[in-house]
N, C-alpha and C. Protein backbone atom coordinates (compact mmCIF):
# COMPACT_ATOMS: atom_id res chain seq x y z
N UNK A 1 181.02 96.33 259.46
CA UNK A 1 181.65 97.41 258.73
C UNK A 1 182.43 98.28 259.70
N UNK A 2 183.72 98.31 259.55
CA UNK A 2 184.59 99.10 260.41
C UNK A 2 184.76 100.51 259.83
N UNK A 3 184.74 101.49 260.71
CA UNK A 3 184.99 102.87 260.30
C UNK A 3 186.49 103.11 260.39
N UNK A 4 187.10 103.52 259.27
CA UNK A 4 188.53 103.80 259.29
C UNK A 4 188.75 105.21 259.82
N UNK A 5 189.52 105.30 260.89
CA UNK A 5 189.78 106.58 261.54
C UNK A 5 191.23 106.96 261.29
N UNK A 6 191.43 108.05 260.53
CA UNK A 6 192.80 108.48 260.25
C UNK A 6 193.03 109.95 260.62
N UNK A 7 192.02 110.59 261.23
CA UNK A 7 192.23 111.96 261.71
C UNK A 7 191.30 112.27 262.89
N UNK A 8 191.59 113.37 263.53
CA UNK A 8 190.87 113.77 264.74
C UNK A 8 189.39 114.08 264.46
N UNK A 9 189.09 114.62 263.28
CA UNK A 9 187.71 114.99 262.94
C UNK A 9 186.80 113.76 262.89
N UNK A 10 187.29 112.69 262.29
CA UNK A 10 186.50 111.45 262.23
C UNK A 10 186.28 110.92 263.64
N UNK A 11 187.29 111.01 264.46
CA UNK A 11 187.19 110.55 265.84
C UNK A 11 186.14 111.35 266.61
N UNK A 12 186.15 112.66 266.44
CA UNK A 12 185.17 113.51 267.11
C UNK A 12 183.76 113.27 266.56
N UNK A 13 183.67 112.94 265.28
CA UNK A 13 182.37 112.61 264.69
C UNK A 13 181.82 111.32 265.30
N UNK A 14 182.71 110.35 265.53
CA UNK A 14 182.30 109.09 266.17
C UNK A 14 181.79 109.32 267.58
N UNK A 15 182.33 110.31 268.25
CA UNK A 15 181.91 110.62 269.62
C UNK A 15 180.43 110.96 269.67
N UNK A 16 179.94 111.62 268.64
CA UNK A 16 178.55 112.07 268.60
C UNK A 16 177.58 110.98 268.18
N UNK A 17 178.08 109.95 267.51
CA UNK A 17 177.22 108.91 266.95
C UNK A 17 177.14 107.69 267.86
N UNK A 18 176.31 106.75 267.43
CA UNK A 18 176.21 105.46 268.09
C UNK A 18 177.55 104.75 267.96
N UNK A 19 178.03 104.08 269.02
CA UNK A 19 179.33 103.38 268.93
C UNK A 19 179.39 102.41 267.75
N UNK A 20 180.50 102.47 267.04
CA UNK A 20 180.73 101.63 265.86
C UNK A 20 182.12 101.02 265.95
N UNK A 21 182.31 99.85 265.34
CA UNK A 21 183.66 99.27 265.30
C UNK A 21 184.59 100.16 264.47
N UNK A 22 185.82 100.26 264.92
CA UNK A 22 186.76 101.17 264.26
C UNK A 22 188.04 100.44 263.86
N UNK A 23 188.70 101.05 262.88
CA UNK A 23 190.04 100.64 262.48
C UNK A 23 190.88 101.90 262.57
N UNK A 24 191.73 101.99 263.60
CA UNK A 24 192.50 103.20 263.83
C UNK A 24 193.76 103.24 262.98
N UNK A 25 193.95 104.36 262.30
CA UNK A 25 195.14 104.61 261.49
C UNK A 25 195.60 106.05 261.73
N UNK A 26 195.73 106.41 262.99
CA UNK A 26 196.11 107.77 263.35
C UNK A 26 197.63 107.93 263.26
N UNK A 27 198.08 108.87 262.46
CA UNK A 27 199.52 109.07 262.27
C UNK A 27 200.19 109.62 263.53
N UNK A 28 199.41 110.25 264.41
CA UNK A 28 199.96 110.80 265.64
C UNK A 28 200.30 109.72 266.67
N UNK A 29 199.75 108.53 266.48
CA UNK A 29 200.00 107.42 267.41
C UNK A 29 200.89 106.38 266.76
N UNK A 30 201.59 105.63 267.59
CA UNK A 30 202.40 104.52 267.07
C UNK A 30 201.47 103.38 266.65
N UNK A 31 202.01 102.44 265.93
CA UNK A 31 201.22 101.28 265.49
C UNK A 31 200.65 100.53 266.69
N UNK A 32 201.47 100.38 267.73
CA UNK A 32 201.04 99.67 268.93
C UNK A 32 199.91 100.41 269.64
N UNK A 33 200.03 101.74 269.71
CA UNK A 33 198.98 102.53 270.35
C UNK A 33 197.68 102.44 269.55
N UNK A 34 197.79 102.52 268.23
CA UNK A 34 196.60 102.37 267.38
C UNK A 34 195.91 101.04 267.64
N UNK A 35 196.69 99.96 267.67
CA UNK A 35 196.12 98.63 267.90
C UNK A 35 195.51 98.52 269.29
N UNK A 36 196.18 99.09 270.29
CA UNK A 36 195.69 99.04 271.66
C UNK A 36 194.33 99.74 271.78
N UNK A 37 194.25 100.98 271.29
CA UNK A 37 193.00 101.72 271.38
C UNK A 37 191.90 101.10 270.51
N UNK A 38 192.30 100.60 269.36
CA UNK A 38 191.33 99.94 268.47
C UNK A 38 190.70 98.74 269.17
N UNK A 39 191.53 97.94 269.81
CA UNK A 39 191.03 96.76 270.52
C UNK A 39 190.10 97.17 271.66
N UNK A 40 190.48 98.19 272.42
CA UNK A 40 189.64 98.63 273.54
C UNK A 40 188.29 99.17 273.06
N UNK A 41 188.31 99.98 272.01
CA UNK A 41 187.06 100.53 271.49
C UNK A 41 186.16 99.43 270.93
N UNK A 42 186.73 98.51 270.18
CA UNK A 42 185.93 97.44 269.58
C UNK A 42 185.37 96.49 270.63
N UNK A 43 186.12 96.24 271.70
CA UNK A 43 185.59 95.42 272.79
C UNK A 43 184.36 96.07 273.41
N UNK A 44 184.38 97.38 273.54
CA UNK A 44 183.23 98.10 274.09
C UNK A 44 182.04 98.06 273.14
N UNK A 45 182.30 98.12 271.84
CA UNK A 45 181.21 98.08 270.86
C UNK A 45 180.53 96.72 270.88
N UNK A 46 181.32 95.66 270.99
CA UNK A 46 180.77 94.31 270.89
C UNK A 46 180.33 93.72 272.23
N UNK A 47 180.31 94.53 273.29
CA UNK A 47 179.84 94.06 274.59
C UNK A 47 178.33 93.88 274.55
N UNK A 48 177.86 92.65 274.76
CA UNK A 48 176.42 92.39 274.70
C UNK A 48 175.75 92.51 276.06
N UNK A 49 176.51 92.53 277.13
CA UNK A 49 175.93 92.69 278.46
C UNK A 49 175.47 91.40 279.11
N UNK A 50 175.70 90.28 278.46
CA UNK A 50 175.22 88.99 278.98
C UNK A 50 175.83 88.66 280.35
N UNK A 51 177.11 88.89 280.50
CA UNK A 51 177.78 88.57 281.77
C UNK A 51 177.21 89.40 282.91
N UNK A 52 176.93 90.65 282.65
CA UNK A 52 176.37 91.53 283.68
C UNK A 52 174.96 91.08 284.06
N UNK A 53 174.16 90.73 283.08
CA UNK A 53 172.81 90.23 283.35
C UNK A 53 172.84 88.95 284.16
N UNK A 54 173.74 88.06 283.79
CA UNK A 54 173.88 86.79 284.51
C UNK A 54 174.32 87.03 285.96
N UNK A 55 175.24 87.96 286.16
CA UNK A 55 175.72 88.27 287.51
C UNK A 55 174.60 88.82 288.38
N UNK A 56 173.78 89.70 287.81
CA UNK A 56 172.68 90.27 288.58
C UNK A 56 171.66 89.20 288.94
N UNK A 57 171.42 88.28 288.02
CA UNK A 57 170.49 87.18 288.31
C UNK A 57 171.03 86.29 289.42
N UNK A 58 172.31 85.98 289.36
CA UNK A 58 172.92 85.14 290.41
C UNK A 58 172.91 85.83 291.76
N UNK A 59 173.12 87.14 291.75
CA UNK A 59 173.17 87.90 292.99
C UNK A 59 171.82 87.88 293.72
N UNK A 60 170.74 88.06 292.97
CA UNK A 60 169.42 88.16 293.59
C UNK A 60 168.64 86.85 293.64
N UNK A 61 169.17 85.78 293.04
CA UNK A 61 168.46 84.51 293.03
C UNK A 61 168.07 84.02 294.43
N UNK A 62 169.00 84.01 295.40
CA UNK A 62 168.60 83.54 296.73
C UNK A 62 167.47 84.37 297.34
N UNK A 63 167.51 85.67 297.18
CA UNK A 63 166.45 86.53 297.75
C UNK A 63 165.11 86.24 297.08
N UNK A 64 165.11 86.04 295.77
CA UNK A 64 163.87 85.74 295.06
C UNK A 64 163.29 84.41 295.53
N UNK A 65 164.14 83.41 295.67
CA UNK A 65 163.67 82.09 296.14
C UNK A 65 163.10 82.20 297.55
N UNK A 66 163.79 82.90 298.43
CA UNK A 66 163.30 83.05 299.81
C UNK A 66 161.95 83.77 299.84
N UNK A 67 161.81 84.83 299.08
CA UNK A 67 160.54 85.56 299.05
C UNK A 67 159.40 84.72 298.50
N UNK A 68 159.68 83.96 297.46
CA UNK A 68 158.64 83.12 296.86
C UNK A 68 158.23 82.00 297.81
N UNK A 69 159.21 81.34 298.40
CA UNK A 69 158.90 80.26 299.35
C UNK A 69 158.15 80.81 300.55
N UNK A 70 158.57 81.96 301.05
CA UNK A 70 157.87 82.58 302.18
C UNK A 70 156.44 82.93 301.81
N UNK A 71 156.24 83.45 300.61
CA UNK A 71 154.89 83.79 300.16
C UNK A 71 154.00 82.57 300.06
N UNK A 72 154.56 81.45 299.59
CA UNK A 72 153.78 80.21 299.49
C UNK A 72 153.48 79.65 300.87
N UNK A 73 154.50 79.59 301.73
CA UNK A 73 154.33 79.04 303.08
C UNK A 73 153.33 79.85 303.90
N UNK A 74 153.39 81.15 303.79
CA UNK A 74 152.47 82.02 304.55
C UNK A 74 151.09 82.10 303.92
N UNK A 75 150.92 81.47 302.78
CA UNK A 75 149.62 81.46 302.12
C UNK A 75 149.29 82.75 301.38
N UNK A 76 150.28 83.57 301.15
CA UNK A 76 150.05 84.84 300.45
C UNK A 76 150.02 84.66 298.93
N UNK A 77 150.69 83.61 298.44
CA UNK A 77 150.79 83.39 297.00
C UNK A 77 150.39 81.97 296.64
N UNK A 78 149.71 81.83 295.52
CA UNK A 78 149.43 80.52 294.94
C UNK A 78 150.73 80.02 294.31
N UNK A 79 150.93 78.72 294.28
CA UNK A 79 152.18 78.14 293.77
C UNK A 79 152.42 78.55 292.32
N UNK A 80 151.40 78.46 291.47
CA UNK A 80 151.57 78.81 290.05
C UNK A 80 151.93 80.28 289.89
N UNK A 81 151.25 81.13 290.63
CA UNK A 81 151.54 82.56 290.56
C UNK A 81 152.95 82.84 291.06
N UNK A 82 153.34 82.18 292.14
CA UNK A 82 154.67 82.39 292.71
C UNK A 82 155.76 81.99 291.73
N UNK A 83 155.58 80.85 291.07
CA UNK A 83 156.57 80.39 290.09
C UNK A 83 156.65 81.38 288.91
N UNK A 84 155.50 81.82 288.43
CA UNK A 84 155.49 82.81 287.33
C UNK A 84 156.16 84.11 287.76
N UNK A 85 155.90 84.54 288.98
CA UNK A 85 156.53 85.75 289.50
C UNK A 85 158.04 85.58 289.58
N UNK A 86 158.48 84.44 290.08
CA UNK A 86 159.91 84.17 290.20
C UNK A 86 160.61 84.20 288.85
N UNK A 87 160.01 83.53 287.88
CA UNK A 87 160.60 83.51 286.53
C UNK A 87 160.62 84.92 285.95
N UNK A 88 159.53 85.65 286.11
CA UNK A 88 159.45 87.02 285.59
C UNK A 88 160.49 87.92 286.23
N UNK A 89 160.65 87.80 287.54
CA UNK A 89 161.64 88.62 288.25
C UNK A 89 163.05 88.30 287.75
N UNK A 90 163.36 87.02 287.55
CA UNK A 90 164.69 86.65 287.09
C UNK A 90 164.95 87.17 285.67
N UNK A 91 163.94 87.09 284.80
CA UNK A 91 164.10 87.62 283.44
C UNK A 91 164.31 89.12 283.49
N UNK A 92 163.54 89.80 284.32
CA UNK A 92 163.67 91.25 284.47
C UNK A 92 165.05 91.63 285.00
N UNK A 93 165.56 90.89 285.98
CA UNK A 93 166.90 91.17 286.50
C UNK A 93 167.97 90.98 285.43
N UNK A 94 167.83 89.93 284.63
CA UNK A 94 168.78 89.71 283.54
C UNK A 94 168.75 90.84 282.53
N UNK A 95 167.55 91.30 282.20
CA UNK A 95 167.40 92.40 281.25
C UNK A 95 167.96 93.70 281.80
N UNK A 96 167.70 93.98 283.06
CA UNK A 96 168.24 95.19 283.70
C UNK A 96 169.77 95.17 283.68
N UNK A 97 170.36 94.04 284.05
CA UNK A 97 171.82 93.92 284.04
C UNK A 97 172.40 94.10 282.65
N UNK A 98 171.74 93.52 281.67
CA UNK A 98 172.19 93.62 280.28
C UNK A 98 172.14 95.07 279.80
N UNK A 99 171.02 95.75 280.03
CA UNK A 99 170.87 97.14 279.60
C UNK A 99 171.86 98.07 280.31
N UNK A 100 172.06 97.81 281.59
CA UNK A 100 173.01 98.63 282.36
C UNK A 100 174.42 98.47 281.79
N UNK A 101 174.79 97.26 281.45
CA UNK A 101 176.12 97.00 280.91
C UNK A 101 176.30 97.64 279.53
N UNK A 102 175.28 97.55 278.69
CA UNK A 102 175.36 98.16 277.36
C UNK A 102 175.47 99.67 277.48
N UNK A 103 174.70 100.27 278.38
CA UNK A 103 174.76 101.72 278.59
C UNK A 103 176.14 102.14 279.11
N UNK A 104 176.68 101.38 280.04
CA UNK A 104 178.02 101.67 280.57
C UNK A 104 179.07 101.57 279.46
N UNK A 105 178.93 100.59 278.58
CA UNK A 105 179.88 100.44 277.46
C UNK A 105 179.83 101.64 276.53
N UNK A 106 178.63 102.16 276.28
CA UNK A 106 178.51 103.35 275.43
C UNK A 106 179.21 104.54 276.05
N UNK A 107 179.04 104.72 277.36
CA UNK A 107 179.70 105.84 278.04
C UNK A 107 181.21 105.66 278.04
N UNK A 108 181.68 104.43 278.27
CA UNK A 108 183.12 104.15 278.25
C UNK A 108 183.71 104.36 276.85
N UNK A 109 182.95 104.02 275.83
CA UNK A 109 183.38 104.23 274.43
C UNK A 109 183.64 105.71 274.19
N UNK A 110 182.70 106.54 274.60
CA UNK A 110 182.86 107.99 274.41
C UNK A 110 184.02 108.52 275.24
N UNK A 111 184.15 108.02 276.44
CA UNK A 111 185.26 108.44 277.32
C UNK A 111 186.60 108.06 276.69
N UNK A 112 186.68 106.86 276.12
CA UNK A 112 187.91 106.39 275.49
C UNK A 112 188.24 107.24 274.26
N UNK A 113 187.23 107.64 273.50
CA UNK A 113 187.46 108.50 272.33
C UNK A 113 188.05 109.83 272.78
N UNK A 114 187.50 110.42 273.84
CA UNK A 114 188.04 111.68 274.35
C UNK A 114 189.48 111.51 274.83
N UNK A 115 189.76 110.36 275.43
CA UNK A 115 191.12 110.08 275.89
C UNK A 115 192.08 110.03 274.69
N UNK A 116 191.65 109.42 273.60
CA UNK A 116 192.49 109.35 272.40
C UNK A 116 192.69 110.75 271.82
N UNK A 117 191.61 111.53 271.77
CA UNK A 117 191.70 112.90 271.23
C UNK A 117 192.68 113.73 272.04
N UNK A 118 192.66 113.58 273.35
CA UNK A 118 193.59 114.34 274.20
C UNK A 118 195.03 113.84 274.06
N UNK A 119 195.19 112.58 273.67
CA UNK A 119 196.52 112.01 273.49
C UNK A 119 197.19 112.54 272.22
N UNK A 120 196.38 112.74 271.18
CA UNK A 120 196.97 113.18 269.89
C UNK A 120 197.03 114.69 269.76
């Protein structure tokens, strides 16, 4: 369900709420500007954070493997426990990356709304 935005008040109301998909019809902006801002806002709304989570997992994967192998070799960790720890750490890293990306998208959404308000 897209929120139709045709005035500044609706835009400011969206700023206070949870990000929602929008359909911009602001008379103060050209058709191209409306489409541009609409696309940017909707991309931020539909960002799931998967790419960010995947990137964080890839970044720390070598360190996790080294720590687990070192723990097993030094006799500090049992193999089963080490594997469970490694999987848990990777899942946690993916979740952290995903949540961070979603939070950043929410802040960018609000920032973009303020930018539009200042433009009109």
